[in-house]
């Protein structure tokens, strides 16, 4: 497991500068990793998706740009900038990006 490059302290960073979107793909960058969880920045090109999977930890999705469609335990949720969605641990979920989008994923672990 690689260690993420730490963000510099006490500096306001434009989120757009922290990730390079991939044409026809998905880019991700771990911004922080601790025993209590991870914070990962994702950039999706239009039409990209993360297939259905399950993790044991709760997670929060915060949409920054564009929009994503989440399917969580069979319930579809359309998330747009300024919204936050909780994905409970142990529940199958998937992410689809109908348009270019960026989101933060905060995974919460029990240390």
N, C-alpha and C. Protein backbone atom coordinates (compact mmCIF):
# COMPACT_ATOMS: atom_id res chain seq x y z
N UNK A 1 0.85 -1.16 0.00
CA UNK A 1 0.00 0.00 0.00
C UNK A 1 0.90 1.23 0.00
N UNK A 2 0.73 2.11 -0.97
CA UNK A 2 1.56 3.30 -1.04
C UNK A 2 1.01 4.38 -0.12
N UNK A 3 1.92 5.21 0.36
CA UNK A 3 1.54 6.31 1.22
C UNK A 3 1.27 7.53 0.35
N UNK A 4 0.14 8.20 0.56
CA UNK A 4 -0.14 9.37 -0.26
C UNK A 4 0.86 10.48 0.03
N UNK A 5 1.11 11.30 -0.98
CA UNK A 5 1.93 12.49 -0.77
C UNK A 5 1.12 13.45 0.07
N UNK A 6 1.65 13.82 1.24
CA UNK A 6 0.84 14.69 2.11
C UNK A 6 0.63 16.06 1.48
N UNK A 7 -0.53 16.61 1.76
CA UNK A 7 -0.82 17.97 1.34
C UNK A 7 -0.02 18.91 2.23
N UNK A 8 0.45 20.03 1.69
CA UNK A 8 1.19 20.97 2.54
C UNK A 8 0.28 21.57 3.59
N UNK A 9 0.79 21.80 4.79
CA UNK A 9 -0.04 22.37 5.85
C UNK A 9 -0.26 23.86 5.65
N UNK A 10 -1.33 24.35 6.20
CA UNK A 10 -1.63 25.78 6.26
C UNK A 10 -1.57 26.46 4.89
N UNK A 11 -2.17 25.80 3.90
CA UNK A 11 -2.20 26.35 2.55
C UNK A 11 -3.54 26.04 1.91
N UNK A 12 -4.19 27.04 1.33
CA UNK A 12 -5.45 26.83 0.61
C UNK A 12 -5.11 26.37 -0.80
N UNK A 13 -5.51 25.16 -1.13
CA UNK A 13 -5.17 24.57 -2.43
C UNK A 13 -6.41 24.45 -3.30
N UNK A 14 -6.34 24.86 -4.57
CA UNK A 14 -7.47 24.63 -5.46
C UNK A 14 -7.62 23.13 -5.73
N UNK A 15 -8.80 22.61 -5.47
CA UNK A 15 -9.01 21.16 -5.64
C UNK A 15 -8.70 20.72 -7.06
N UNK A 16 -9.02 21.55 -8.05
CA UNK A 16 -8.76 21.18 -9.45
C UNK A 16 -7.28 20.89 -9.69
N UNK A 17 -6.38 21.49 -8.90
CA UNK A 17 -4.95 21.28 -9.11
C UNK A 17 -4.46 19.97 -8.50
N UNK A 18 -5.29 19.29 -7.74
CA UNK A 18 -4.86 18.09 -7.02
C UNK A 18 -5.06 16.80 -7.81
N UNK A 19 -5.73 16.88 -8.96
CA UNK A 19 -6.01 15.67 -9.74
C UNK A 19 -6.04 16.03 -11.22
N UNK A 20 -5.59 15.11 -12.03
CA UNK A 20 -5.63 15.28 -13.48
C UNK A 20 -6.66 14.31 -14.04
N UNK A 21 -7.79 14.83 -14.54
CA UNK A 21 -8.81 13.93 -15.12
C UNK A 21 -8.21 13.09 -16.26
N UNK A 22 -8.73 11.90 -16.41
CA UNK A 22 -8.29 10.98 -17.45
C UNK A 22 -9.38 10.86 -18.51
N UNK A 23 -9.05 11.18 -19.76
CA UNK A 23 -10.03 11.06 -20.84
C UNK A 23 -10.49 9.61 -20.94
N UNK A 24 -11.80 9.39 -20.90
CA UNK A 24 -12.36 8.05 -21.00
C UNK A 24 -12.09 7.17 -19.79
N UNK A 25 -11.79 7.79 -18.65
CA UNK A 25 -11.47 6.98 -17.48
C UNK A 25 -11.81 7.65 -16.17
N UNK A 26 -11.21 7.11 -15.12
CA UNK A 26 -11.41 7.59 -13.76
C UNK A 26 -10.03 7.81 -13.15
N UNK A 27 -9.81 8.98 -12.60
CA UNK A 27 -8.58 9.27 -11.88
C UNK A 27 -8.91 9.38 -10.39
N UNK A 28 -7.97 8.97 -9.55
CA UNK A 28 -8.18 9.11 -8.11
C UNK A 28 -6.87 9.47 -7.44
N UNK A 29 -6.99 10.18 -6.32
CA UNK A 29 -5.82 10.54 -5.53
C UNK A 29 -6.21 10.51 -4.06
N UNK A 30 -5.48 9.74 -3.28
CA UNK A 30 -5.70 9.72 -1.84
C UNK A 30 -5.09 10.99 -1.27
N UNK A 31 -5.93 11.80 -0.62
CA UNK A 31 -5.46 13.05 -0.04
C UNK A 31 -5.03 12.88 1.40
N UNK A 32 -5.61 11.91 2.09
CA UNK A 32 -5.25 11.65 3.49
C UNK A 32 -5.56 10.20 3.81
N UNK A 33 -4.71 9.60 4.63
CA UNK A 33 -4.92 8.22 5.08
C UNK A 33 -4.50 8.15 6.54
N UNK A 34 -5.44 7.71 7.38
CA UNK A 34 -5.17 7.52 8.81
C UNK A 34 -5.80 6.20 9.23
N UNK A 35 -5.51 5.72 10.44
CA UNK A 35 -6.19 4.50 10.91
C UNK A 35 -7.71 4.66 10.95
N UNK A 36 -8.21 5.90 11.06
CA UNK A 36 -9.65 6.14 11.12
C UNK A 36 -10.33 6.28 9.78
N UNK A 37 -9.56 6.35 8.69
CA UNK A 37 -10.19 6.45 7.38
C UNK A 37 -9.32 7.10 6.33
N UNK A 38 -9.89 7.19 5.13
CA UNK A 38 -9.21 7.78 3.97
C UNK A 38 -10.08 8.87 3.39
N UNK A 39 -9.42 9.87 2.78
CA UNK A 39 -10.09 10.88 1.99
C UNK A 39 -9.51 10.80 0.60
N UNK A 40 -10.36 10.46 -0.40
CA UNK A 40 -9.90 10.26 -1.77
C UNK A 40 -10.67 11.18 -2.70
N UNK A 41 -9.94 11.84 -3.60
CA UNK A 41 -10.51 12.69 -4.62
C UNK A 41 -10.63 11.88 -5.91
N UNK A 42 -11.80 11.88 -6.52
CA UNK A 42 -12.04 11.16 -7.78
C UNK A 42 -12.42 12.16 -8.87
N UNK A 43 -11.97 11.88 -10.09
CA UNK A 43 -12.39 12.62 -11.29
C UNK A 43 -12.87 11.60 -12.30
N UNK A 44 -14.14 11.68 -12.67
CA UNK A 44 -14.76 10.76 -13.63
C UNK A 44 -14.95 11.46 -14.96
N UNK A 45 -14.64 10.79 -16.06
CA UNK A 45 -15.06 11.29 -17.36
C UNK A 45 -16.51 10.86 -17.56
N UNK A 46 -17.21 11.55 -18.44
CA UNK A 46 -18.62 11.22 -18.70
C UNK A 46 -18.75 9.76 -19.11
N UNK A 47 -19.73 9.08 -18.52
CA UNK A 47 -20.02 7.70 -18.87
C UNK A 47 -19.23 6.66 -18.09
N UNK A 48 -18.35 7.10 -17.19
CA UNK A 48 -17.55 6.15 -16.42
C UNK A 48 -18.30 5.71 -15.16
N UNK A 49 -17.91 4.55 -14.63
CA UNK A 49 -18.59 4.04 -13.44
C UNK A 49 -17.68 3.15 -12.62
N UNK A 50 -18.01 3.06 -11.35
CA UNK A 50 -17.42 2.07 -10.45
C UNK A 50 -18.51 1.02 -10.25
N UNK A 51 -18.22 -0.22 -10.61
CA UNK A 51 -19.24 -1.26 -10.55
C UNK A 51 -19.63 -1.56 -9.10
N UNK A 52 -20.75 -2.22 -8.95
CA UNK A 52 -21.28 -2.51 -7.63
C UNK A 52 -20.27 -3.30 -6.80
N UNK A 53 -20.10 -2.85 -5.57
CA UNK A 53 -19.19 -3.51 -4.64
C UNK A 53 -19.66 -3.20 -3.21
N UNK A 54 -19.06 -3.86 -2.27
CA UNK A 54 -19.40 -3.68 -0.86
C UNK A 54 -18.12 -3.48 -0.06
N UNK A 55 -18.16 -2.56 0.90
CA UNK A 55 -17.07 -2.41 1.85
C UNK A 55 -17.66 -2.51 3.25
N UNK A 56 -16.81 -2.80 4.19
CA UNK A 56 -17.32 -2.97 5.55
C UNK A 56 -17.46 -1.64 6.30
N UNK A 57 -16.98 -0.55 5.69
CA UNK A 57 -16.97 0.74 6.37
C UNK A 57 -17.99 1.70 5.78
N UNK A 58 -18.53 2.58 6.63
CA UNK A 58 -19.37 3.67 6.14
C UNK A 58 -18.52 4.61 5.29
N UNK A 59 -19.15 5.26 4.33
CA UNK A 59 -18.47 6.23 3.49
C UNK A 59 -19.40 7.39 3.20
N UNK A 60 -18.80 8.55 2.95
CA UNK A 60 -19.54 9.75 2.58
C UNK A 60 -19.03 10.21 1.22
N UNK A 61 -19.96 10.51 0.31
CA UNK A 61 -19.62 11.04 -1.02
C UNK A 61 -20.05 12.51 -1.03
N UNK A 62 -19.11 13.39 -1.41
CA UNK A 62 -19.38 14.81 -1.55
C UNK A 62 -19.05 15.20 -2.99
N UNK A 63 -20.07 15.61 -3.74
CA UNK A 63 -19.89 15.96 -5.15
C UNK A 63 -19.38 17.40 -5.24
N UNK A 64 -18.31 17.58 -6.02
CA UNK A 64 -17.69 18.89 -6.19
C UNK A 64 -18.09 19.54 -7.51
N UNK A 65 -18.06 18.76 -8.60
CA UNK A 65 -18.44 19.25 -9.92
C UNK A 65 -19.22 18.17 -10.65
N UNK A 66 -20.03 18.56 -11.61
CA UNK A 66 -20.79 17.59 -12.40
C UNK A 66 -21.87 16.93 -11.56
N UNK A 67 -22.11 15.67 -11.84
CA UNK A 67 -23.13 14.91 -11.11
C UNK A 67 -22.76 13.45 -11.15
N UNK A 68 -23.16 12.72 -10.11
CA UNK A 68 -22.99 11.27 -10.08
C UNK A 68 -24.31 10.63 -9.67
N UNK A 69 -24.54 9.44 -10.19
CA UNK A 69 -25.69 8.63 -9.80
C UNK A 69 -25.15 7.48 -8.97
N UNK A 70 -25.61 7.41 -7.74
CA UNK A 70 -25.20 6.36 -6.81
C UNK A 70 -26.35 5.36 -6.69
N UNK A 71 -26.02 4.09 -6.65
CA UNK A 71 -27.01 3.06 -6.33
C UNK A 71 -26.54 2.43 -5.04
N UNK A 72 -27.34 2.57 -3.98
CA UNK A 72 -26.97 2.12 -2.65
C UNK A 72 -28.05 1.18 -2.15
N UNK A 73 -27.72 -0.09 -2.05
CA UNK A 73 -28.72 -1.06 -1.61
C UNK A 73 -29.96 -1.06 -2.48
N UNK A 74 -29.79 -0.82 -3.78
CA UNK A 74 -30.91 -0.82 -4.72
C UNK A 74 -31.61 0.52 -4.86
N UNK A 75 -31.25 1.51 -4.02
CA UNK A 75 -31.85 2.84 -4.11
C UNK A 75 -30.94 3.74 -4.93
N UNK A 76 -31.52 4.41 -5.93
CA UNK A 76 -30.75 5.30 -6.81
C UNK A 76 -30.82 6.72 -6.26
N UNK A 77 -29.65 7.37 -6.19
CA UNK A 77 -29.55 8.73 -5.68
C UNK A 77 -28.76 9.56 -6.70
N UNK A 78 -29.34 10.69 -7.13
CA UNK A 78 -28.66 11.61 -8.04
C UNK A 78 -28.03 12.70 -7.17
N UNK A 79 -26.70 12.79 -7.18
CA UNK A 79 -25.99 13.75 -6.34
C UNK A 79 -25.32 14.81 -7.20
N UNK A 80 -25.43 16.06 -6.79
CA UNK A 80 -24.91 17.20 -7.53
C UNK A 80 -24.01 18.03 -6.60
N UNK A 81 -23.29 19.01 -7.14
CA UNK A 81 -22.40 19.80 -6.29
C UNK A 81 -23.11 20.38 -5.07
N UNK A 82 -22.40 20.29 -3.95
CA UNK A 82 -22.96 20.81 -2.70
C UNK A 82 -23.78 19.80 -1.94
N UNK A 83 -23.89 18.55 -2.45
CA UNK A 83 -24.64 17.52 -1.74
C UNK A 83 -23.69 16.49 -1.15
N UNK A 84 -24.18 15.78 -0.16
CA UNK A 84 -23.42 14.72 0.50
C UNK A 84 -24.34 13.52 0.64
N UNK A 85 -23.80 12.32 0.42
CA UNK A 85 -24.57 11.09 0.49
C UNK A 85 -23.81 10.09 1.35
N UNK A 86 -24.51 9.45 2.28
CA UNK A 86 -23.88 8.41 3.12
C UNK A 86 -24.13 7.04 2.51
N UNK A 87 -23.07 6.26 2.43
CA UNK A 87 -23.17 4.88 1.98
C UNK A 87 -22.81 4.00 3.18
N UNK A 88 -23.78 3.29 3.74
CA UNK A 88 -23.52 2.47 4.92
C UNK A 88 -22.61 1.29 4.62
N UNK A 89 -21.78 0.95 5.58
CA UNK A 89 -20.93 -0.23 5.44
C UNK A 89 -21.77 -1.49 5.30
N UNK A 90 -21.28 -2.43 4.51
CA UNK A 90 -21.96 -3.70 4.33
C UNK A 90 -23.10 -3.66 3.32
N UNK A 91 -23.35 -2.51 2.70
CA UNK A 91 -24.43 -2.38 1.72
C UNK A 91 -23.79 -2.19 0.34
N UNK A 92 -24.23 -2.99 -0.62
CA UNK A 92 -23.68 -2.88 -1.98
C UNK A 92 -23.99 -1.50 -2.56
N UNK A 93 -22.99 -0.95 -3.27
CA UNK A 93 -23.17 0.36 -3.89
C UNK A 93 -22.36 0.45 -5.18
N UNK A 94 -22.78 1.37 -6.05
CA UNK A 94 -22.11 1.61 -7.32
C UNK A 94 -22.19 3.10 -7.62
N UNK A 95 -21.27 3.58 -8.47
CA UNK A 95 -21.22 5.00 -8.84
C UNK A 95 -21.17 5.10 -10.36
N UNK A 96 -22.03 5.95 -10.92
CA UNK A 96 -22.02 6.23 -12.36
C UNK A 96 -21.93 7.74 -12.54
N UNK A 97 -21.17 8.15 -13.56
CA UNK A 97 -21.03 9.57 -13.87
C UNK A 97 -21.65 9.84 -15.24
N UNK A 98 -22.88 10.37 -15.29
CA UNK A 98 -23.49 10.66 -16.58
C UNK A 98 -22.81 11.83 -17.31
N UNK A 99 -22.03 12.60 -16.56
CA UNK A 99 -21.26 13.72 -17.11
C UNK A 99 -19.93 13.77 -16.36
N UNK A 100 -19.00 14.59 -16.86
CA UNK A 100 -17.73 14.73 -16.13
C UNK A 100 -18.03 15.18 -14.72
N UNK A 101 -17.34 14.58 -13.75
CA UNK A 101 -17.64 14.89 -12.35
C UNK A 101 -16.40 14.70 -11.49
N UNK A 102 -16.39 15.42 -10.39
CA UNK A 102 -15.38 15.23 -9.36
C UNK A 102 -16.10 15.06 -8.03
N UNK A 103 -15.57 14.16 -7.20
CA UNK A 103 -16.18 13.93 -5.90
C UNK A 103 -15.10 13.58 -4.90
N UNK A 104 -15.40 13.86 -3.63
CA UNK A 104 -14.56 13.41 -2.54
C UNK A 104 -15.25 12.22 -1.89
N UNK A 105 -14.47 11.20 -1.57
CA UNK A 105 -14.98 10.02 -0.87
C UNK A 105 -14.26 9.95 0.47
N UNK A 106 -15.02 10.03 1.54
CA UNK A 106 -14.47 9.91 2.89
C UNK A 106 -14.89 8.55 3.43
N UNK A 107 -13.91 7.67 3.60
CA UNK A 107 -14.19 6.33 4.14
C UNK A 107 -13.88 6.36 5.63
N UNK A 108 -14.86 5.96 6.44
CA UNK A 108 -14.74 6.01 7.89
C UNK A 108 -14.52 4.60 8.44
N UNK A 109 -13.40 4.41 9.10
CA UNK A 109 -13.08 3.11 9.68
C UNK A 109 -13.21 3.19 11.19
N UNK A 110 -13.46 2.05 11.79
CA UNK A 110 -13.39 1.94 13.25
C UNK A 110 -11.96 1.53 13.58
N UNK A 111 -11.20 2.44 14.20
CA UNK A 111 -9.79 2.11 14.49
C UNK A 111 -9.66 0.95 15.46
